[in-house]
Amino acid sequence: MVRKIPIILVVLLMFSTTAFAASALEKEIKKDLNSFNGKVGVYAKNLKTGKVFDYNENEVFPTASTSKLVVAMATYQYLYPTADARKKSMYDNDIRYMMVISDNASFDELLIELDTKKPDALKKVTNDLRLKKTQIHSKEAYKKYNYHSVTTPSEMAKVFETIYTDKYLDKRKTNDLKYYLGNTIFHDEIPRHMMTPVYHKVGQLDDVLCDVGVIDDGKDQILISAYTRTKQSDVYASDFIANISAKLYNELRRK
């Protein structure tokens, strides 16, 4: 006897095979990630639709200069409110230089301020954002990973999303940060193939290259957090992040 399949079940089966089928571009992105010569992790999200693409998103990487995002947040949240006018001006300048040119002298100056006046501020920020693996300027991280600052692609994406969507700092400081991040001197990774505004923070160490940011085309806001470690050249890693970011943008944006 032939059993009749209920119409509702047929519709559900049809939906499941189409809604969850990987696109050709998604397959291409996964192929690119699988063929990367080294270690790579990616977390990408359309902030308008909530659609996500991830790959090794919970793997731990050295932060390189993306740690400056957390230092800026800690400075604004835990140092700035009680600072006098002279100190506030110093903090503003240091944060601007950290974001725009990734200045290490400004970074070191703020770390000294934090260590002296609010030594738990960096940990407070990671706790506030409920980051489980991110450690910034941490002796424990150095003992375990041989780097003082570590994170994961998904957690640094959360840091950037928190900044970009005005969920942590006051409106003026959020706008300052976004302005700096939208006007950096760095254009080789996420922004390279983009014809639309990009707000981002790049980081680089000897074998590490990473970039985290938002591509805002006026319709969609595509958050991308990409971390790489490779013995290949800087050009290889830079080209990879630029190319994979363009593909992720095209995969996640609304057509």
C-alpha atoms as a PDB file:
ATOM      1  CA  MET A   1       0.000   0.000   0.000  1.00  0.00           C
ATOM      2  CA  VAL A   2       1.334   3.424  -0.962  1.00  0.00           C
ATOM      3  CA  ARG A   3       1.316   5.867   1.944  1.00  0.00           C
ATOM      4  CA  LYS A   4       0.347   9.457   1.201  1.00  0.00           C
ATOM      5  CA  ILE A   5       2.744  12.045   2.554  1.00  0.00           C
ATOM      6  CA  PRO A   6       0.911  14.981   4.134  1.00  0.00           C
ATOM      7  CA  ILE A   7       1.147  18.207   2.123  1.00  0.00           C
ATOM      8  CA  ILE A   8       2.567  20.117   5.117  1.00  0.00           C
ATOM      9  CA  LEU A   9       5.392  17.582   5.421  1.00  0.00           C
ATOM     10  CA  VAL A  10       6.158  17.898   1.719  1.00  0.00           C
ATOM     11  CA  VAL A  11       6.378  21.679   2.058  1.00  0.00           C
ATOM     12  CA  LEU A  12       8.672  21.372   5.068  1.00  0.00           C
ATOM     13  CA  LEU A  13      10.931  18.951   3.238  1.00  0.00           C
ATOM     14  CA  MET A  14      11.113  21.276   0.246  1.00  0.00           C
ATOM     15  CA  PHE A  15      11.951  24.199   2.532  1.00  0.00           C
ATOM     16  CA  SER A  16      14.676  22.290   4.339  1.00  0.00           C
ATOM     17  CA  THR A  17      16.447  21.314   1.130  1.00  0.00           C
ATOM     18  CA  THR A  18      16.423  24.852  -0.250  1.00  0.00           C
ATOM     19  CA  ALA A  19      16.788  27.103   2.790  1.00  0.00           C
ATOM     20  CA  PHE A  20      19.780  25.256   4.148  1.00  0.00           C
ATOM     21  CA  ALA A  21      21.518  24.377   0.912  1.00  0.00           C
ATOM     22  CA  ALA A  22      24.907  26.062   0.649  1.00  0.00           C
ATOM     23  CA  SER A  23      25.241  28.570  -2.157  1.00  0.00           C
ATOM     24  CA  ALA A  24      27.982  28.232  -4.751  1.00  0.00           C
ATOM     25  CA  LEU A  25      29.743  31.223  -3.210  1.00  0.00           C
ATOM     26  CA  GLU A  26      29.529  29.762   0.295  1.00  0.00           C
ATOM     27  CA  LYS A  27      31.116  26.560  -0.988  1.00  0.00           C
ATOM     28  CA  GLU A  28      33.841  28.612  -2.633  1.00  0.00           C
ATOM     29  CA  ILE A  29      34.513  30.485   0.608  1.00  0.00           C
ATOM     30  CA  LYS A  30      34.796  27.223   2.554  1.00  0.00           C
ATOM     31  CA  LYS A  31      37.151  25.838  -0.073  1.00  0.00           C
ATOM     32  CA  ASP A  32      39.330  28.941   0.205  1.00  0.00           C
ATOM     33  CA  LEU A  33      39.416  28.674   3.999  1.00  0.00           C
ATOM     34  CA  ASN A  34      40.249  24.973   3.908  1.00  0.00           C
ATOM     35  CA  SER A  35      43.130  25.614   1.525  1.00  0.00           C
ATOM     36  CA  PHE A  36      44.712  28.438   3.552  1.00  0.00           C
ATOM     37  CA  ASN A  37      48.381  27.704   4.220  1.00  0.00           C
ATOM     38  CA  GLY A  38      48.387  28.150   7.976  1.00  0.00           C
ATOM     39  CA  LYS A  39      45.731  28.743  10.602  1.00  0.00           C
ATOM     40  CA  VAL A  40      42.666  30.863   9.853  1.00  0.00           C
ATOM     41  CA  GLY A  41      39.482  31.773  11.701  1.00  0.00           C
ATOM     42  CA  VAL A  42      36.555  33.859  10.504  1.00  0.00           C
ATOM     43  CA  TYR A  43      33.318  35.176  11.949  1.00  0.00           C
ATOM     44  CA  ALA A  44      31.043  37.228   9.696  1.00  0.00           C
ATOM     45  CA  LYS A  45      27.535  38.532  10.313  1.00  0.00           C
ATOM     46  CA  ASN A  46      24.949  40.677   8.590  1.00  0.00           C
ATOM     47  CA  LEU A  47      23.985  43.034  11.409  1.00  0.00           C
ATOM     48  CA  LYS A  48      20.636  43.757   9.736  1.00  0.00           C
ATOM     49  CA  THR A  49      19.449  40.201   9.042  1.00  0.00           C
ATOM     50  CA  GLY A  50      21.448  38.254  11.632  1.00  0.00           C
ATOM     51  CA  LYS A  51      22.791  35.843   9.003  1.00  0.00           C
ATOM     52  CA  VAL A  52      26.165  34.402  10.078  1.00  0.00           C
ATOM     53  CA  PHE A  53      29.103  32.653   8.435  1.00  0.00           C
ATOM     54  CA  ASP A  54      31.794  31.221  10.671  1.00  0.00           C
ATOM     55  CA  TYR A  55      34.865  29.028  10.435  1.00  0.00           C
ATOM     56  CA  ASN A  56      37.186  28.226  13.352  1.00  0.00           C
ATOM     57  CA  GLU A  57      35.456  31.166  15.007  1.00  0.00           C
ATOM     58  CA  ASN A  58      36.284  29.987  18.541  1.00  0.00           C
ATOM     59  CA  GLU A  59      39.978  29.273  17.924  1.00  0.00           C
ATOM     60  CA  VAL A  60      42.373  31.392  19.984  1.00  0.00           C
ATOM     61  CA  PHE A  61      44.669  33.818  18.124  1.00  0.00           C
ATOM     62  CA  PRO A  62      47.017  36.590  19.255  1.00  0.00           C
ATOM     63  CA  THR A  63      45.080  39.848  19.047  1.00  0.00           C
ATOM     64  CA  ALA A  64      47.921  41.905  17.564  1.00  0.00           C
ATOM     65  CA  SER A  65      46.671  45.507  17.446  1.00  0.00           C
ATOM     66  CA  THR A  66      42.985  44.616  17.587  1.00  0.00           C
ATOM     67  CA  SER A  67      43.529  44.637  21.376  1.00  0.00           C
ATOM     68  CA  LYS A  68      43.566  48.431  21.042  1.00  0.00           C
ATOM     69  CA  LEU A  69      39.782  48.295  20.650  1.00  0.00           C
ATOM     70  CA  VAL A  70      39.432  46.887  24.163  1.00  0.00           C
ATOM     71  CA  VAL A  71      41.979  49.344  25.558  1.00  0.00           C
ATOM     72  CA  ALA A  72      40.005  52.226  24.041  1.00  0.00           C
ATOM     73  CA  MET A  73      36.762  50.903  25.542  1.00  0.00           C
ATOM     74  CA  ALA A  74      38.356  50.481  28.969  1.00  0.00           C
ATOM     75  CA  THR A  75      39.805  53.989  28.845  1.00  0.00           C
ATOM     76  CA  TYR A  76      36.498  55.599  27.910  1.00  0.00           C
ATOM     77  CA  GLN A  77      34.445  53.516  30.341  1.00  0.00           C
ATOM     78  CA  TYR A  78      36.692  53.368  33.414  1.00  0.00           C
ATOM     79  CA  LEU A  79      39.289  56.175  33.202  1.00  0.00           C
ATOM     80  CA  TYR A  80      37.588  59.000  31.340  1.00  0.00           C
ATOM     81  CA  PRO A  81      34.656  59.755  33.723  1.00  0.00           C
ATOM     82  CA  THR A  82      36.894  60.817  36.649  1.00  0.00           C
ATOM     83  CA  ALA A  83      39.742  62.371  34.646  1.00  0.00           C
ATOM     84  CA  ASP A  84      40.498  66.095  34.605  1.00  0.00           C
ATOM     85  CA  ALA A  85      40.459  68.100  31.373  1.00  0.00           C
ATOM     86  CA  ARG A  86      44.174  67.594  30.686  1.00  0.00           C
ATOM     87  CA  LYS A  87      43.946  63.826  31.076  1.00  0.00           C
ATOM     88  CA  LYS A  88      40.796  63.635  28.982  1.00  0.00           C
ATOM     89  CA  SER A  89      42.591  65.449  26.184  1.00  0.00           C
ATOM     90  CA  MET A  90      45.489  62.982  26.454  1.00  0.00           C
ATOM     91  CA  TYR A  91      43.120  60.012  26.373  1.00  0.00           C
ATOM     92  CA  ASP A  92      41.284  61.408  23.354  1.00  0.00           C
ATOM     93  CA  ASN A  93      44.534  61.928  21.447  1.00  0.00           C
ATOM     94  CA  ASP A  94      45.909  58.497  22.359  1.00  0.00           C
ATOM     95  CA  ILE A  95      42.725  56.735  21.273  1.00  0.00           C
ATOM     96  CA  ARG A  96      42.619  58.660  18.005  1.00  0.00           C
ATOM     97  CA  TYR A  97      46.221  57.733  17.191  1.00  0.00           C
ATOM     98  CA  MET A  98      45.629  54.099  18.186  1.00  0.00           C
ATOM     99  CA  MET A  99      42.667  53.768  15.860  1.00  0.00           C
ATOM    100  CA  VAL A 100      43.851  55.852  12.901  1.00  0.00           C
ATOM    101  CA  ILE A 101      47.536  54.894  12.670  1.00  0.00           C
ATOM    102  CA  SER A 102      47.691  52.053  15.216  1.00  0.00           C
ATOM    103  CA  ASP A 103      50.251  54.026  17.241  1.00  0.00           C
ATOM    104  CA  ASN A 104      52.041  51.838  19.780  1.00  0.00           C
ATOM    105  CA  ALA A 105      53.366  54.734  21.889  1.00  0.00           C
ATOM    106  CA  SER A 106      49.784  55.856  22.545  1.00  0.00           C
ATOM    107  CA  PHE A 107      48.820  52.259  23.316  1.00  0.00           C
ATOM    108  CA  ASP A 108      51.663  51.950  25.851  1.00  0.00           C
ATOM    109  CA  GLU A 109      50.733  55.267  27.463  1.00  0.00           C
ATOM    110  CA  LEU A 110      47.155  54.132  28.008  1.00  0.00           C
ATOM    111  CA  LEU A 111      48.276  50.759  29.365  1.00  0.00           C
ATOM    112  CA  ILE A 112      50.386  52.587  31.961  1.00  0.00           C
ATOM    113  CA  GLU A 113      47.393  54.739  32.882  1.00  0.00           C
ATOM    114  CA  LEU A 114      45.182  51.674  33.224  1.00  0.00           C
ATOM    115  CA  ASP A 115      47.780  49.740  35.233  1.00  0.00           C
ATOM    116  CA  THR A 116      48.237  52.704  37.584  1.00  0.00           C
ATOM    117  CA  LYS A 117      44.681  53.929  38.042  1.00  0.00           C
ATOM    118  CA  LYS A 118      42.350  51.060  37.169  1.00  0.00           C
ATOM    119  CA  PRO A 119      44.279  47.791  36.903  1.00  0.00           C
ATOM    120  CA  ASP A 120      41.127  45.699  36.588  1.00  0.00           C
ATOM    121  CA  ALA A 121      39.553  47.805  33.809  1.00  0.00           C
ATOM    122  CA  LEU A 122      40.549  45.574  30.898  1.00  0.00           C
ATOM    123  CA  LYS A 123      39.192  42.506  32.658  1.00  0.00           C
ATOM    124  CA  LYS A 124      36.051  44.447  33.507  1.00  0.00           C
ATOM    125  CA  VAL A 125      35.446  45.134  29.818  1.00  0.00           C
ATOM    126  CA  THR A 126      35.876  41.475  28.846  1.00  0.00           C
ATOM    127  CA  ASN A 127      33.562  40.509  31.702  1.00  0.00           C
ATOM    128  CA  ASP A 128      31.025  43.184  30.736  1.00  0.00           C
ATOM    129  CA  LEU A 129      30.935  41.751  27.204  1.00  0.00           C
ATOM    130  CA  ARG A 130      30.938  38.156  28.516  1.00  0.00           C
ATOM    131  CA  LEU A 131      34.055  37.213  26.584  1.00  0.00           C
ATOM    132  CA  LYS A 132      35.345  33.853  27.781  1.00  0.00           C
ATOM    133  CA  LYS A 133      38.624  33.488  25.905  1.00  0.00           C
ATOM    134  CA  THR A 134      39.732  37.065  25.306  1.00  0.00           C
ATOM    135  CA  GLN A 135      42.540  38.271  27.564  1.00  0.00           C
ATOM    136  CA  ILE A 136      44.179  41.661  27.110  1.00  0.00           C
ATOM    137  CA  HIS A 137      47.553  42.671  28.581  1.00  0.00           C
ATOM    138  CA  SER A 138      47.453  39.523  30.682  1.00  0.00           C
ATOM    139  CA  LYS A 139      50.251  37.613  32.405  1.00  0.00           C
ATOM    140  CA  GLU A 140      48.064  34.503  32.424  1.00  0.00           C
ATOM    141  CA  ALA A 141      47.646  34.714  28.656  1.00  0.00           C
ATOM    142  CA  TYR A 142      51.402  35.011  28.226  1.00  0.00           C
ATOM    143  CA  LYS A 143      52.018  31.928  30.351  1.00  0.00           C
ATOM    144  CA  LYS A 144      49.522  29.873  28.341  1.00  0.00           C
ATOM    145  CA  TYR A 145      49.900  31.246  24.813  1.00  0.00           C
ATOM    146  CA  ASN A 146      53.212  33.146  24.856  1.00  0.00           C
ATOM    147  CA  TYR A 147      51.276  36.309  23.959  1.00  0.00           C
ATOM    148  CA  HIS A 148      49.981  38.926  26.384  1.00  0.00           C
ATOM    149  CA  SER A 149      46.737  39.443  24.463  1.00  0.00           C
ATOM    150  CA  VAL A 150      44.594  36.759  22.829  1.00  0.00           C
ATOM    151  CA  THR A 151      41.084  36.488  21.451  1.00  0.00           C
ATOM    152  CA  THR A 152      38.921  34.521  19.035  1.00  0.00           C
ATOM    153  CA  PRO A 153      37.370  35.731  15.762  1.00  0.00           C
ATOM    154  CA  SER A 154      33.869  35.510  17.252  1.00  0.00           C
ATOM    155  CA  GLU A 155      34.759  37.369  20.449  1.00  0.00           C
ATOM    156  CA  MET A 156      36.577  40.218  18.717  1.00  0.00           C
ATOM    157  CA  ALA A 157      33.603  40.421  16.374  1.00  0.00           C
ATOM    158  CA  LYS A 158      31.452  40.901  19.470  1.00  0.00           C
ATOM    159  CA  VAL A 159      33.766  43.686  20.647  1.00  0.00           C
ATOM    160  CA  PHE A 160      33.445  45.479  17.320  1.00  0.00           C
ATOM    161  CA  GLU A 161      29.691  44.956  17.093  1.00  0.00           C
ATOM    162  CA  THR A 162      29.302  46.359  20.598  1.00  0.00           C
ATOM    163  CA  ILE A 163      31.178  49.489  19.548  1.00  0.00           C
ATOM    164  CA  TYR A 164      29.438  49.834  16.207  1.00  0.00           C
ATOM    165  CA  THR A 165      25.906  49.422  17.510  1.00  0.00           C
ATOM    166  CA  ASP A 166      26.265  51.880  20.436  1.00  0.00           C
ATOM    167  CA  LYS A 167      25.737  49.211  23.094  1.00  0.00           C
ATOM    168  CA  TYR A 168      28.484  50.070  25.585  1.00  0.00           C
ATOM    169  CA  LEU A 169      29.899  53.599  25.487  1.00  0.00           C
ATOM    170  CA  ASP A 170      28.051  56.888  25.472  1.00  0.00           C
ATOM    171  CA  LYS A 171      26.928  58.207  22.108  1.00  0.00           C
ATOM    172  CA  ARG A 172      29.664  60.808  21.698  1.00  0.00           C
ATOM    173  CA  LYS A 173      32.508  58.417  22.431  1.00  0.00           C
ATOM    174  CA  THR A 174      30.973  55.764  20.197  1.00  0.00           C
ATOM    175  CA  ASN A 175      30.759  58.288  17.369  1.00  0.00           C
ATOM    176  CA  ASP A 176      34.380  59.327  17.944  1.00  0.00           C
ATOM    177  CA  LEU A 177      35.549  55.719  17.744  1.00  0.00           C
ATOM    178  CA  LYS A 178      33.510  55.011  14.633  1.00  0.00           C
ATOM    179  CA  TYR A 179      34.881  58.130  12.951  1.00  0.00           C
ATOM    180  CA  TYR A 180      38.469  57.069  13.696  1.00  0.00           C
ATOM    181  CA  LEU A 181      37.809  53.490  12.557  1.00  0.00           C
ATOM    182  CA  GLY A 182      36.300  54.787   9.329  1.00  0.00           C
ATOM    183  CA  ASN A 183      39.341  56.941   8.587  1.00  0.00           C
ATOM    184  CA  THR A 184      42.356  54.744   9.267  1.00  0.00           C
ATOM    185  CA  ILE A 185      45.471  54.807   7.089  1.00  0.00           C
ATOM    186  CA  PHE A 186      45.103  51.076   6.445  1.00  0.00           C
ATOM    187  CA  HIS A 187      43.309  49.935   3.288  1.00  0.00           C
ATOM    188  CA  ASP A 188      44.867  46.587   2.360  1.00  0.00           C
ATOM    189  CA  GLU A 189      42.697  43.984   4.096  1.00  0.00           C
ATOM    190  CA  ILE A 190      38.894  44.230   4.530  1.00  0.00           C
ATOM    191  CA  PRO A 191      38.561  47.572   2.656  1.00  0.00           C
ATOM    192  CA  ARG A 192      40.678  46.679  -0.391  1.00  0.00           C
ATOM    193  CA  HIS A 193      37.931  45.559  -2.772  1.00  0.00           C
ATOM    194  CA  MET A 194      35.156  47.637  -1.241  1.00  0.00           C
ATOM    195  CA  MET A 195      33.479  50.588  -2.955  1.00  0.00           C
ATOM    196  CA  THR A 196      31.561  51.494   0.199  1.00  0.00           C
ATOM    197  CA  PRO A 197      32.534  52.747   3.687  1.00  0.00           C
ATOM    198  CA  VAL A 198      34.487  50.353   5.919  1.00  0.00           C
ATOM    199  CA  TYR A 199      35.128  50.813   9.639  1.00  0.00           C
ATOM    200  CA  HIS A 200      37.900  48.522  10.811  1.00  0.00           C
ATOM    201  CA  LYS A 201      40.952  47.793  12.959  1.00  0.00           C
ATOM    202  CA  VAL A 202      43.843  45.809  11.555  1.00  0.00           C
ATOM    203  CA  GLY A 203      46.517  43.981  13.541  1.00  0.00           C
ATOM    204  CA  GLN A 204      49.867  42.473  12.602  1.00  0.00           C
ATOM    205  CA  LEU A 205      52.690  40.544  14.261  1.00  0.00           C
ATOM    206  CA  ASP A 206      55.499  38.447  12.780  1.00  0.00           C
ATOM    207  CA  ASP A 207      53.273  35.565  11.673  1.00  0.00           C
ATOM    208  CA  VAL A 208      49.862  37.076  12.461  1.00  0.00           C
ATOM    209  CA  LEU A 209      47.622  39.267  10.339  1.00  0.00           C
ATOM    210  CA  CYS A 210      44.045  40.079  11.303  1.00  0.00           C
ATOM    211  CA  ASP A 211      41.330  42.585  10.596  1.00  0.00           C
ATOM    212  CA  VAL A 212      37.954  43.200  12.177  1.00  0.00           C
ATOM    213  CA  GLY A 213      35.397  45.667  10.928  1.00  0.00           C
ATOM    214  CA  VAL A 214      32.057  46.545   9.383  1.00  0.00           C
ATOM    215  CA  ILE A 215      31.283  47.145   5.718  1.00  0.00           C
ATOM    216  CA  ASP A 216      28.341  49.567   5.589  1.00  0.00           C
ATOM    217  CA  ASP A 217      26.773  49.967   2.158  1.00  0.00           C
ATOM    218  CA  GLY A 218      23.752  51.897   3.401  1.00  0.00           C
ATOM    219  CA  LYS A 219      21.501  48.854   3.141  1.00  0.00           C
ATOM    220  CA  ASP A 220      23.452  46.170   4.971  1.00  0.00           C
ATOM    221  CA  GLN A 221      26.138  46.218   7.627  1.00  0.00           C
ATOM    222  CA  ILE A 222      28.444  43.241   7.210  1.00  0.00           C
ATOM    223  CA  LEU A 223      30.664  42.529  10.200  1.00  0.00           C
ATOM    224  CA  ILE A 224      33.840  40.573   9.431  1.00  0.00           C
ATOM    225  CA  SER A 225      36.446  39.308  11.883  1.00  0.00           C
ATOM    226  CA  ALA A 226      39.319  37.469  10.191  1.00  0.00           C
ATOM    227  CA  TYR A 227      42.462  36.125  11.901  1.00  0.00           C
ATOM    228  CA  THR A 228      45.396  34.374  10.237  1.00  0.00           C
ATOM    229  CA  ARG A 229      48.698  32.807  11.268  1.00  0.00           C
ATOM    230  CA  THR A 230      51.030  31.695   8.534  1.00  0.00           C
ATOM    231  CA  LYS A 231      54.690  31.306   7.662  1.00  0.00           C
ATOM    232  CA  GLN A 232      53.912  32.673   4.226  1.00  0.00           C
ATOM    233  CA  SER A 233      54.554  36.319   3.360  1.00  0.00           C
ATOM    234  CA  ASP A 234      52.561  39.263   4.659  1.00  0.00           C
ATOM    235  CA  VAL A 235      51.293  39.733   1.115  1.00  0.00           C
ATOM    236  CA  TYR A 236      49.849  36.215   1.088  1.00  0.00           C
ATOM    237  CA  ALA A 237      47.871  36.811   4.300  1.00  0.00           C
ATOM    238  CA  SER A 238      46.800  40.295   3.251  1.00  0.00           C
ATOM    239  CA  ASP A 239      45.558  39.099  -0.133  1.00  0.00           C
ATOM    240  CA  PHE A 240      43.696  36.264   1.547  1.00  0.00           C
ATOM    241  CA  ILE A 241      41.860  38.529   4.012  1.00  0.00           C
ATOM    242  CA  ALA A 242      41.013  41.033   1.274  1.00  0.00           C
ATOM    243  CA  ASN A 243      39.646  38.373  -1.060  1.00  0.00           C
ATOM    244  CA  ILE A 244      37.738  36.381   1.555  1.00  0.00           C
ATOM    245  CA  SER A 245      36.207  39.603   2.921  1.00  0.00           C
ATOM    246  CA  ALA A 246      34.871  40.534  -0.511  1.00  0.00           C
ATOM    247  CA  LYS A 247      33.338  37.083  -0.898  1.00  0.00           C
ATOM    248  CA  LEU A 248      31.833  37.166   2.596  1.00  0.00           C
ATOM    249  CA  TYR A 249      30.309  40.559   1.880  1.00  0.00           C
ATOM    250  CA  ASN A 250      28.710  39.274  -1.308  1.00  0.00           C
ATOM    251  CA  GLU A 251      27.495  36.114   0.411  1.00  0.00           C
ATOM    252  CA  LEU A 252      25.891  37.863   3.392  1.00  0.00           C
ATOM    253  CA  ARG A 253      24.481  41.053   1.903  1.00  0.00           C
ATOM    254  CA  ARG A 254      20.930  41.257   0.636  1.00  0.00           C
ATOM    255  CA  LYS A 255      20.980  41.209  -3.158  1.00  0.00           C
END
